[in-house]
Amino acid sequence: LPSGLLAERVGERRLLGFGLASAGLAYLCLAMAERFGPVMLCVAIAG
């Protein structure tokens, strides 16, 4: 919901790029996770 509201101010294209970059970084970090806690943190950021 905040993404939809924020899009009215800054536009969708900036936020689409932000979402892809955030998810990409999260999965790069997930590849290095070795415990349940870090896995959960990376998955949360990907979300």
All heavy atoms as atom14 arrays in JSON, in Angstrom:
{
  "sequence": "LPSGLLAERVGERRLLGFGLASAGLAYLCLAMAERFGPVMLCVAIAG",
  "atom14_mask": [
    [1, 1, 1, 1, 1, 1, 1, 1, 0, 0, 0, 0, 0, 0],
    [1, 1, 1, 1, 1, 1, 1, 0, 0, 0, 0, 0, 0, 0],
    [1, 1, 1, 1, 1, 1, 0, 0, 0, 0, 0, 0, 0, 0],
    [1, 1, 1, 1, 0, 0, 0, 0, 0, 0, 0, 0, 0, 0],
    [1, 1, 1, 1, 1, 1, 1, 1, 0, 0, 0, 0, 0, 0],
    [1, 1, 1, 1, 1, 1, 1, 1, 0, 0, 0, 0, 0, 0],
    [1, 1, 1, 1, 1, 0, 0, 0, 0, 0, 0, 0, 0, 0],
    [1, 1, 1, 1, 1, 1, 1, 1, 1, 0, 0, 0, 0, 0],
    [1, 1, 1, 1, 1, 1, 1, 1, 1, 1, 1, 0, 0, 0],
    [1, 1, 1, 1, 1, 1, 1, 0, 0, 0, 0, 0, 0, 0],
    [1, 1, 1, 1, 0, 0, 0, 0, 0, 0, 0, 0, 0, 0],
    [1, 1, 1, 1, 1, 1, 1, 1, 1, 0, 0, 0, 0, 0],
    [1, 1, 1, 1, 1, 1, 1, 1, 1, 1, 1, 0, 0, 0],
    [1, 1, 1, 1, 1, 1, 1, 1, 1, 1, 1, 0, 0, 0],
    [1, 1, 1, 1, 1, 1, 1, 1, 0, 0, 0, 0, 0, 0],
    [1, 1, 1, 1, 1, 1, 1, 1, 0, 0, 0, 0, 0, 0],
    [1, 1, 1, 1, 0, 0, 0, 0, 0, 0, 0, 0, 0, 0],
    [1, 1, 1, 1, 1, 1, 1, 1, 1, 1, 1, 0, 0, 0],
    [1, 1, 1, 1, 0, 0, 0, 0, 0, 0, 0, 0, 0, 0],
    [1, 1, 1, 1, 1, 1, 1, 1, 0, 0, 0, 0, 0, 0],
    [1, 1, 1, 1, 1, 0, 0, 0, 0, 0, 0, 0, 0, 0],
    [1, 1, 1, 1, 1, 1, 0, 0, 0, 0, 0, 0, 0, 0],
    [1, 1, 1, 1, 1, 0, 0, 0, 0, 0, 0, 0, 0, 0],
    [1, 1, 1, 1, 0, 0, 0, 0, 0, 0, 0, 0, 0, 0],
    [1, 1, 1, 1, 1, 1, 1, 1, 0, 0, 0, 0, 0, 0],
    [1, 1, 1, 1, 1, 0, 0, 0, 0, 0, 0, 0, 0, 0],
    [1, 1, 1, 1, 1, 1, 1, 1, 1, 1, 1, 1, 0, 0],
    [1, 1, 1, 1, 1, 1, 1, 1, 0, 0, 0, 0, 0, 0],
    [1, 1, 1, 1, 1, 1, 0, 0, 0, 0, 0, 0, 0, 0],
    [1, 1, 1, 1, 1, 1, 1, 1, 0, 0, 0, 0, 0, 0],
    [1, 1, 1, 1, 1, 0, 0, 0, 0, 0, 0, 0, 0, 0],
    [1, 1, 1, 1, 1, 1, 1, 1, 0, 0, 0, 0, 0, 0],
    [1, 1, 1, 1, 1, 0, 0, 0, 0, 0, 0, 0, 0, 0],
    [1, 1, 1, 1, 1, 1, 1, 1, 1, 0, 0, 0, 0, 0],
    [1, 1, 1, 1, 1, 1, 1, 1, 1, 1, 1, 0, 0, 0],
    [1, 1, 1, 1, 1, 1, 1, 1, 1, 1, 1, 0, 0, 0],
    [1, 1, 1, 1, 0, 0, 0, 0, 0, 0, 0, 0, 0, 0],
    [1, 1, 1, 1, 1, 1, 1, 0, 0, 0, 0, 0, 0, 0],
    [1, 1, 1, 1, 1, 1, 1, 0, 0, 0, 0, 0, 0, 0],
    [1, 1, 1, 1, 1, 1, 1, 1, 0, 0, 0, 0, 0, 0],
    [1, 1, 1, 1, 1, 1, 1, 1, 0, 0, 0, 0, 0, 0],
    [1, 1, 1, 1, 1, 1, 0, 0, 0, 0, 0, 0, 0, 0],
    [1, 1, 1, 1, 1, 1, 1, 0, 0, 0, 0, 0, 0, 0],
    [1, 1, 1, 1, 1, 0, 0, 0, 0, 0, 0, 0, 0, 0],
    [1, 1, 1, 1, 1, 1, 1, 1, 0, 0, 0, 0, 0, 0],
    [1, 1, 1, 1, 1, 0, 0, 0, 0, 0, 0, 0, 0, 0],
    [1, 1, 1, 1, 0, 0, 0, 0, 0, 0, 0, 0, 0, 0]
  ],
  "atom14_positions": [
    [[0.81, -1.21, 0.0], [0.0, 0.0, 0.0], [0.85, 1.27, 0.0], [0.59, 2.18, -0.8], [-0.97, -0.01, 1.19], [-1.88, 1.2, 1.32], [-2.69, 1.41, 0.04], [-2.81, 1.03, 2.52], [0.0, 0.0, 0.0], [0.0, 0.0, 0.0], [0.0, 0.0, 0.0], [0.0, 0.0, 0.0], [0.0, 0.0, 0.0], [0.0, 0.0, 0.0]],
    [[1.88, 1.38, 0.86], [2.74, 2.57, 0.78], [3.37, 2.77, -0.59], [3.56, 3.91, -1.03], [3.81, 2.3, 1.85], [3.13, 1.43, 2.84], [2.23, 0.55, 2.03], [0.0, 0.0, 0.0], [0.0, 0.0, 0.0], [0.0, 0.0, 0.0], [0.0, 0.0, 0.0], [0.0, 0.0, 0.0], [0.0, 0.0, 0.0], [0.0, 0.0, 0.0]],
    [[3.69, 1.67, -1.28], [4.28, 1.82, -2.61], [3.3, 2.48, -3.58], [3.68, 3.32, -4.4], [4.73, 0.46, -3.15], [3.63, -0.34, -3.54], [0.0, 0.0, 0.0], [0.0, 0.0, 0.0], [0.0, 0.0, 0.0], [0.0, 0.0, 0.0], [0.0, 0.0, 0.0], [0.0, 0.0, 0.0], [0.0, 0.0, 0.0], [0.0, 0.0, 0.0]],
    [[2.02, 2.1, -3.48], [1.01, 2.71, -4.34], [0.8, 4.18, -4.02], [0.64, 5.01, -4.93], [0.0, 0.0, 0.0], [0.0, 0.0, 0.0], [0.0, 0.0, 0.0], [0.0, 0.0, 0.0], [0.0, 0.0, 0.0], [0.0, 0.0, 0.0], [0.0, 0.0, 0.0], [0.0, 0.0, 0.0], [0.0, 0.0, 0.0], [0.0, 0.0, 0.0]],
    [[0.8, 4.52, -2.74], [0.63, 5.92, -2.34], [1.85, 6.75, -2.73], [1.74, 7.89, -3.2], [0.38, 6.0, -0.84], [-0.9, 5.35, -0.32], [-0.95, 5.39, 1.2], [-2.13, 6.03, -0.91], [0.0, 0.0, 0.0], [0.0, 0.0, 0.0], [0.0, 0.0, 0.0], [0.0, 0.0, 0.0], [0.0, 0.0, 0.0], [0.0, 0.0, 0.0]],
    [[3.04, 6.19, -2.51], [4.27, 6.9, -2.83], [4.41, 7.15, -4.32], [4.98, 8.16, -4.75], [5.47, 6.12, -2.3], [6.85, 6.79, -2.39], [6.85, 8.11, -1.62], [7.92, 5.85, -1.85], [0.0, 0.0, 0.0], [0.0, 0.0, 0.0], [0.0, 0.0, 0.0], [0.0, 0.0, 0.0], [0.0, 0.0, 0.0], [0.0, 0.0, 0.0]],
    [[3.87, 6.23, -5.13], [3.96, 6.37, -6.58], [3.24, 7.62, -7.07], [3.62, 8.2, -8.09], [3.37, 5.14, -7.26], [0.0, 0.0, 0.0], [0.0, 0.0, 0.0], [0.0, 0.0, 0.0], [0.0, 0.0, 0.0], [0.0, 0.0, 0.0], [0.0, 0.0, 0.0], [0.0, 0.0, 0.0], [0.0, 0.0, 0.0], [0.0, 0.0, 0.0]],
    [[2.22, 8.06, -6.34], [1.51, 9.26, -6.75], [2.38, 10.5, -6.6], [2.14, 11.52, -7.26], [0.24, 9.41, -5.92], [-0.77, 8.28, -6.15], [-1.99, 8.4, -5.26], [-2.06, 9.38, -4.48], [-2.88, 7.53, -5.35], [0.0, 0.0, 0.0], [0.0, 0.0, 0.0], [0.0, 0.0, 0.0], [0.0, 0.0, 0.0], [0.0, 0.0, 0.0]],
    [[3.41, 10.42, -5.79], [4.3, 11.56, -5.57], [5.56, 11.49, -6.43], [5.99, 12.5, -6.98], [4.7, 11.65, -4.09], [3.56, 12.02, -3.16], [4.06, 12.1, -1.73], [3.03, 12.56, -0.81], [2.8, 13.84, -0.52], [3.56, 14.78, -1.07], [1.85, 14.19, 0.31], [0.0, 0.0, 0.0], [0.0, 0.0, 0.0], [0.0, 0.0, 0.0]],
    [[6.16, 10.31, -6.51], [7.46, 10.2, -7.19], [7.4, 9.42, -8.49], [8.39, 9.39, -9.23], [8.51, 9.55, -6.25], [8.64, 10.34, -4.96], [8.16, 8.11, -5.96], [0.0, 0.0, 0.0], [0.0, 0.0, 0.0], [0.0, 0.0, 0.0], [0.0, 0.0, 0.0], [0.0, 0.0, 0.0], [0.0, 0.0, 0.0], [0.0, 0.0, 0.0]],
    [[6.27, 8.81, -8.8], [6.15, 8.03, -10.02], [6.5, 6.58, -9.83], [7.26, 6.22, -8.92], [0.0, 0.0, 0.0], [0.0, 0.0, 0.0], [0.0, 0.0, 0.0], [0.0, 0.0, 0.0], [0.0, 0.0, 0.0], [0.0, 0.0, 0.0], [0.0, 0.0, 0.0], [0.0, 0.0, 0.0], [0.0, 0.0, 0.0], [0.0, 0.0, 0.0]],
    [[5.96, 5.73, -10.7], [6.16, 4.29, -10.55], [7.55, 3.83, -10.98], [8.09, 2.88, -10.42], [5.11, 3.52, -11.38], [3.69, 3.6, -10.82], [2.9, 4.74, -11.42], [3.52, 5.57, -12.13], [1.68, 4.79, -11.19], [0.0, 0.0, 0.0], [0.0, 0.0, 0.0], [0.0, 0.0, 0.0], [0.0, 0.0, 0.0], [0.0, 0.0, 0.0]],
    [[8.13, 4.45, -12.01], [9.35, 3.88, -12.58], [10.52, 3.91, -11.59], [11.32, 2.98, -11.55], [9.72, 4.58, -13.88], [10.12, 6.03, -13.79], [10.74, 6.48, -15.13], [11.0, 7.9, -15.15], [10.29, 8.79, -15.83], [9.26, 8.38, -16.54], [10.6, 10.07, -15.8], [0.0, 0.0, 0.0], [0.0, 0.0, 0.0], [0.0, 0.0, 0.0]],
    [[10.65, 4.96, -10.79], [11.72, 4.99, -9.79], [11.55, 3.87, -8.77], [12.52, 3.23, -8.36], [11.75, 6.34, -9.08], [12.14, 7.52, -9.96], [12.21, 8.8, -9.14], [12.61, 9.93, -9.93], [11.78, 10.72, -10.6], [10.47, 10.47, -10.56], [12.21, 11.74, -11.31], [0.0, 0.0, 0.0], [0.0, 0.0, 0.0], [0.0, 0.0, 0.0]],
    [[10.31, 3.64, -8.38], [10.05, 2.64, -7.35], [10.19, 1.22, -7.9], [10.58, 0.31, -7.17], [8.64, 2.85, -6.78], [8.42, 4.21, -6.1], [7.0, 4.31, -5.56], [9.43, 4.44, -4.99], [0.0, 0.0, 0.0], [0.0, 0.0, 0.0], [0.0, 0.0, 0.0], [0.0, 0.0, 0.0], [0.0, 0.0, 0.0], [0.0, 0.0, 0.0]],
    [[9.85, 1.02, -9.18], [10.07, -0.29, -9.79], [11.56, -0.64, -9.8], [11.95, -1.77, -9.51], [9.51, -0.31, -11.21], [7.99, -0.41, -11.34], [7.57, -0.15, -12.79], [7.48, -1.76, -10.88], [0.0, 0.0, 0.0], [0.0, 0.0, 0.0], [0.0, 0.0, 0.0], [0.0, 0.0, 0.0], [0.0, 0.0, 0.0], [0.0, 0.0, 0.0]],
    [[12.39, 0.35, -10.13], [13.84, 0.13, -10.1], [14.34, -0.13, -8.7], [15.18, -1.01, -8.47], [0.0, 0.0, 0.0], [0.0, 0.0, 0.0], [0.0, 0.0, 0.0], [0.0, 0.0, 0.0], [0.0, 0.0, 0.0], [0.0, 0.0, 0.0], [0.0, 0.0, 0.0], [0.0, 0.0, 0.0], [0.0, 0.0, 0.0], [0.0, 0.0, 0.0]],
    [[13.81, 0.62, -7.73], [14.21, 0.42, -6.34], [13.86, -0.98, -5.86], [14.65, -1.65, -5.17], [13.51, 1.46, -5.45], [13.6, 1.17, -3.98], [14.76, 1.44, -3.27], [12.52, 0.61, -3.31], [14.84, 1.17, -1.91], [12.6, 0.33, -1.95], [13.76, 0.61, -1.25], [0.0, 0.0, 0.0], [0.0, 0.0, 0.0], [0.0, 0.0, 0.0]],
    [[12.67, -1.46, -6.22], [12.25, -2.79, -5.8], [13.14, -3.88, -6.34], [13.53, -4.81, -5.61], [0.0, 0.0, 0.0], [0.0, 0.0, 0.0], [0.0, 0.0, 0.0], [0.0, 0.0, 0.0], [0.0, 0.0, 0.0], [0.0, 0.0, 0.0], [0.0, 0.0, 0.0], [0.0, 0.0, 0.0], [0.0, 0.0, 0.0], [0.0, 0.0, 0.0]],
    [[13.49, -3.78, -7.61], [14.38, -4.78, -8.21], [15.76, -4.75, -7.58], [16.35, -5.8, -7.29], [14.49, -4.54, -9.71], [13.35, -5.06, -10.58], [13.46, -4.49, -11.99], [13.33, -6.58, -10.61], [0.0, 0.0, 0.0], [0.0, 0.0, 0.0], [0.0, 0.0, 0.0], [0.0, 0.0, 0.0], [0.0, 0.0, 0.0], [0.0, 0.0, 0.0]],
    [[16.3, -3.55, -7.36], [17.63, -3.44, -6.77], [17.65, -4.0, -5.35], [18.59, -4.71, -4.95], [18.08, -1.98, -6.77], [0.0, 0.0, 0.0], [0.0, 0.0, 0.0], [0.0, 0.0, 0.0], [0.0, 0.0, 0.0], [0.0, 0.0, 0.0], [0.0, 0.0, 0.0], [0.0, 0.0, 0.0], [0.0, 0.0, 0.0], [0.0, 0.0, 0.0]],
    [[16.61, -3.7, -4.57], [16.54, -4.2, -3.18], [16.45, -5.71, -3.14], [17.15, -6.37, -2.36], [15.33, -3.58, -2.46], [15.43, -2.17, -2.42], [0.0, 0.0, 0.0], [0.0, 0.0, 0.0], [0.0, 0.0, 0.0], [0.0, 0.0, 0.0], [0.0, 0.0, 0.0], [0.0, 0.0, 0.0], [0.0, 0.0, 0.0], [0.0, 0.0, 0.0]],
    [[15.58, -6.28, -3.98], [15.44, -7.73, -4.01], [16.73, -8.4, -4.48], [17.14, -9.43, -3.95], [14.28, -8.12, -4.93], [0.0, 0.0, 0.0], [0.0, 0.0, 0.0], [0.0, 0.0, 0.0], [0.0, 0.0, 0.0], [0.0, 0.0, 0.0], [0.0, 0.0, 0.0], [0.0, 0.0, 0.0], [0.0, 0.0, 0.0], [0.0, 0.0, 0.0]],
    [[17.38, -7.8, -5.47], [18.63, -8.36, -5.96], [19.71, -8.4, -4.9], [20.4, -9.42, -4.72], [0.0, 0.0, 0.0], [0.0, 0.0, 0.0], [0.0, 0.0, 0.0], [0.0, 0.0, 0.0], [0.0, 0.0, 0.0], [0.0, 0.0, 0.0], [0.0, 0.0, 0.0], [0.0, 0.0, 0.0], [0.0, 0.0, 0.0], [0.0, 0.0, 0.0]],
    [[19.87, -7.3, -4.17], [20.86, -7.26, -3.09], [20.53, -8.26, -1.99], [21.43, -8.89, -1.41], [20.94, -5.84, -2.52], [21.66, -4.8, -3.39], [21.52, -3.41, -2.77], [23.13, -5.16, -3.55], [0.0, 0.0, 0.0], [0.0, 0.0, 0.0], [0.0, 0.0, 0.0], [0.0, 0.0, 0.0], [0.0, 0.0, 0.0], [0.0, 0.0, 0.0]],
    [[19.23, -8.4, -1.69], [18.82, -9.34, -0.64], [19.2, -10.77, -1.0], [19.69, -11.54, -0.15], [17.32, -9.22, -0.41], [0.0, 0.0, 0.0], [0.0, 0.0, 0.0], [0.0, 0.0, 0.0], [0.0, 0.0, 0.0], [0.0, 0.0, 0.0], [0.0, 0.0, 0.0], [0.0, 0.0, 0.0], [0.0, 0.0, 0.0], [0.0, 0.0, 0.0]],
    [[19.02, -11.14, -2.26], [19.35, -12.51, -2.66], [20.85, -12.72, -2.77], [21.34, -13.83, -2.55], [18.65, -12.86, -3.96], [17.22, -13.3, -3.75], [16.18, -12.38, -3.7], [16.92, -14.64, -3.56], [14.87, -12.78, -3.48], [15.62, -15.06, -3.34], [14.6, -14.12, -3.3], [13.31, -14.51, -3.06], [0.0, 0.0, 0.0], [0.0, 0.0, 0.0]],
    [[21.58, -11.67, -3.09], [23.04, -11.78, -3.05], [23.52, -12.05, -1.63], [24.44, -12.84, -1.4], [23.68, -10.49, -3.58], [23.62, -10.3, -5.11], [24.07, -8.89, -5.47], [24.51, -11.33, -5.81], [0.0, 0.0, 0.0], [0.0, 0.0, 0.0], [0.0, 0.0, 0.0], [0.0, 0.0, 0.0], [0.0, 0.0, 0.0], [0.0, 0.0, 0.0]],
    [[22.89, -11.4, -0.65], [23.23, -11.65, 0.75], [22.75, -13.01, 1.22], [23.41, -13.69, 2.02], [22.65, -10.55, 1.64], [23.34, -8.91, 1.37], [0.0, 0.0, 0.0], [0.0, 0.0, 0.0], [0.0, 0.0, 0.0], [0.0, 0.0, 0.0], [0.0, 0.0, 0.0], [0.0, 0.0, 0.0], [0.0, 0.0, 0.0], [0.0, 0.0, 0.0]],
    [[21.57, -13.44, 0.72], [21.04, -14.76, 1.08], [22.0, -15.87, 0.67], [22.11, -16.89, 1.35], [19.68, -14.96, 0.41], [18.99, -16.31, 0.62], [18.71, -16.56, 2.1], [17.69, -16.39, -0.18], [0.0, 0.0, 0.0], [0.0, 0.0, 0.0], [0.0, 0.0, 0.0], [0.0, 0.0, 0.0], [0.0, 0.0, 0.0], [0.0, 0.0, 0.0]],
    [[22.69, -15.67, -0.42], [23.64, -16.68, -0.9], [24.77, -16.91, 0.09], [25.42, -17.96, 0.05], [24.21, -16.25, -2.26], [0.0, 0.0, 0.0], [0.0, 0.0, 0.0], [0.0, 0.0, 0.0], [0.0, 0.0, 0.0], [0.0, 0.0, 0.0], [0.0, 0.0, 0.0], [0.0, 0.0, 0.0], [0.0, 0.0, 0.0], [0.0, 0.0, 0.0]],
    [[25.01, -15.93, 0.97], [26.09, -16.06, 1.96], [25.58, -16.45, 3.34], [26.39, -16.62, 4.26], [26.87, -14.74, 2.04], [27.55, -14.35, 0.73], [28.47, -12.79, 0.84], [27.11, -11.61, 0.85], [0.0, 0.0, 0.0], [0.0, 0.0, 0.0], [0.0, 0.0, 0.0], [0.0, 0.0, 0.0], [0.0, 0.0, 0.0], [0.0, 0.0, 0.0]],
    [[24.25, -16.57, 3.51], [23.68, -16.88, 4.82], [23.89, -18.35, 5.17], [23.73, -19.23, 4.32], [22.2, -16.55, 4.84], [0.0, 0.0, 0.0], [0.0, 0.0, 0.0], [0.0, 0.0, 0.0], [0.0, 0.0, 0.0], [0.0, 0.0, 0.0], [0.0, 0.0, 0.0], [0.0, 0.0, 0.0], [0.0, 0.0, 0.0], [0.0, 0.0, 0.0]],
    [[24.24, -18.6, 6.43], [24.51, -19.98, 6.87], [23.68, -20.38, 8.09], [23.79, -21.5, 8.56], [25.99, -20.15, 7.21], [26.91, -19.93, 6.01], [28.37, -20.09, 6.38], [28.66, -20.15, 7.6], [29.22, -20.16, 5.47], [0.0, 0.0, 0.0], [0.0, 0.0, 0.0], [0.0, 0.0, 0.0], [0.0, 0.0, 0.0], [0.0, 0.0, 0.0]],
    [[22.85, -19.45, 8.6], [22.01, -19.74, 9.76], [20.59, -19.25, 9.49], [20.35, -18.43, 8.6], [22.57, -19.09, 11.03], [23.94, -19.63, 11.43], [24.34, -19.12, 12.83], [24.28, -17.67, 12.92], [25.26, -16.86, 12.55], [26.38, -17.35, 12.03], [25.13, -15.55, 12.65], [0.0, 0.0, 0.0], [0.0, 0.0, 0.0], [0.0, 0.0, 0.0]],
    [[19.65, -19.75, 10.28], [18.24, -19.43, 10.09], [17.97, -17.93, 10.24], [17.19, -17.35, 9.47], [17.4, -20.22, 11.09], [15.91, -19.97, 10.96], [15.23, -20.35, 9.82], [15.21, -19.38, 12.0], [13.87, -20.14, 9.7], [13.85, -19.16, 11.89], [13.18, -19.53, 10.74], [0.0, 0.0, 0.0], [0.0, 0.0, 0.0], [0.0, 0.0, 0.0]],
    [[18.61, -17.29, 11.22], [18.4, -15.86, 11.45], [18.77, -15.0, 10.25], [17.93, -14.21, 9.77], [0.0, 0.0, 0.0], [0.0, 0.0, 0.0], [0.0, 0.0, 0.0], [0.0, 0.0, 0.0], [0.0, 0.0, 0.0], [0.0, 0.0, 0.0], [0.0, 0.0, 0.0], [0.0, 0.0, 0.0], [0.0, 0.0, 0.0], [0.0, 0.0, 0.0]],
    [[19.98, -15.11, 9.72], [20.33, -14.34, 8.52], [19.46, -14.66, 7.31], [19.16, -13.77, 6.51], [21.79, -14.75, 8.27], [22.32, -15.12, 9.61], [21.17, -15.76, 10.31], [0.0, 0.0, 0.0], [0.0, 0.0, 0.0], [0.0, 0.0, 0.0], [0.0, 0.0, 0.0], [0.0, 0.0, 0.0], [0.0, 0.0, 0.0], [0.0, 0.0, 0.0]],
    [[19.04, -15.92, 7.18], [18.14, -16.27, 6.08], [16.84, -15.48, 6.2], [16.34, -14.92, 5.21], [17.85, -17.79, 6.08], [16.67, -18.12, 5.15], [19.09, -18.56, 5.65], [0.0, 0.0, 0.0], [0.0, 0.0, 0.0], [0.0, 0.0, 0.0], [0.0, 0.0, 0.0], [0.0, 0.0, 0.0], [0.0, 0.0, 0.0], [0.0, 0.0, 0.0]],
    [[16.3, -15.42, 7.4], [15.05, -14.68, 7.62], [15.23, -13.2, 7.3], [14.34, -12.57, 6.71], [14.61, -14.86, 9.07], [14.15, -16.27, 9.39], [12.52, -16.61, 8.69], [11.51, -15.6, 9.76], [0.0, 0.0, 0.0], [0.0, 0.0, 0.0], [0.0, 0.0, 0.0], [0.0, 0.0, 0.0], [0.0, 0.0, 0.0], [0.0, 0.0, 0.0]],
    [[16.36, -12.62, 7.69], [16.6, -11.2, 7.43], [16.68, -10.93, 5.93], [16.08, -9.96, 5.43], [17.9, -10.77, 8.12], [18.32, -9.31, 7.89], [17.25, -8.35, 8.4], [19.67, -9.03, 8.56], [0.0, 0.0, 0.0], [0.0, 0.0, 0.0], [0.0, 0.0, 0.0], [0.0, 0.0, 0.0], [0.0, 0.0, 0.0], [0.0, 0.0, 0.0]],
    [[17.38, -11.77, 5.21], [17.51, -11.59, 3.76], [16.16, -11.74, 3.06], [15.83, -10.97, 2.15], [18.51, -12.59, 3.19], [20.21, -12.33, 3.72], [0.0, 0.0, 0.0], [0.0, 0.0, 0.0], [0.0, 0.0, 0.0], [0.0, 0.0, 0.0], [0.0, 0.0, 0.0], [0.0, 0.0, 0.0], [0.0, 0.0, 0.0], [0.0, 0.0, 0.0]],
    [[15.39, -12.72, 3.5], [14.07, -12.93, 2.9], [13.16, -11.74, 3.19], [12.36, -11.32, 2.34], [13.46, -14.24, 3.43], [11.99, -14.35, 3.04], [14.23, -15.44, 2.89], [0.0, 0.0, 0.0], [0.0, 0.0, 0.0], [0.0, 0.0, 0.0], [0.0, 0.0, 0.0], [0.0, 0.0, 0.0], [0.0, 0.0, 0.0], [0.0, 0.0, 0.0]],
    [[13.29, -11.16, 4.38], [12.48, -9.98, 4.72], [12.81, -8.81, 3.8], [11.92, -8.11, 3.31], [12.72, -9.59, 6.18], [0.0, 0.0, 0.0], [0.0, 0.0, 0.0], [0.0, 0.0, 0.0], [0.0, 0.0, 0.0], [0.0, 0.0, 0.0], [0.0, 0.0, 0.0], [0.0, 0.0, 0.0], [0.0, 0.0, 0.0], [0.0, 0.0, 0.0]],
    [[14.09, -8.57, 3.56], [14.5, -7.48, 2.67], [14.03, -7.75, 1.24], [13.57, -6.84, 0.53], [16.02, -7.29, 2.71], [16.46, -6.89, 4.12], [16.46, -6.24, 1.7], [17.96, -6.85, 4.3], [0.0, 0.0, 0.0], [0.0, 0.0, 0.0], [0.0, 0.0, 0.0], [0.0, 0.0, 0.0], [0.0, 0.0, 0.0], [0.0, 0.0, 0.0]],
    [[14.11, -9.0, 0.81], [13.61, -9.36, -0.51], [12.11, -9.09, -0.61], [11.61, -8.68, -1.67], [13.91, -10.83, -0.81], [0.0, 0.0, 0.0], [0.0, 0.0, 0.0], [0.0, 0.0, 0.0], [0.0, 0.0, 0.0], [0.0, 0.0, 0.0], [0.0, 0.0, 0.0], [0.0, 0.0, 0.0], [0.0, 0.0, 0.0], [0.0, 0.0, 0.0]],
    [[11.4, -9.32, 0.48], [9.97, -9.04, 0.49], [9.67, -7.56, 0.33], [8.71, -7.18, -0.34], [0.0, 0.0, 0.0], [0.0, 0.0, 0.0], [0.0, 0.0, 0.0], [0.0, 0.0, 0.0], [0.0, 0.0, 0.0], [0.0, 0.0, 0.0], [0.0, 0.0, 0.0], [0.0, 0.0, 0.0], [0.0, 0.0, 0.0], [0.0, 0.0, 0.0]]
  ]
}
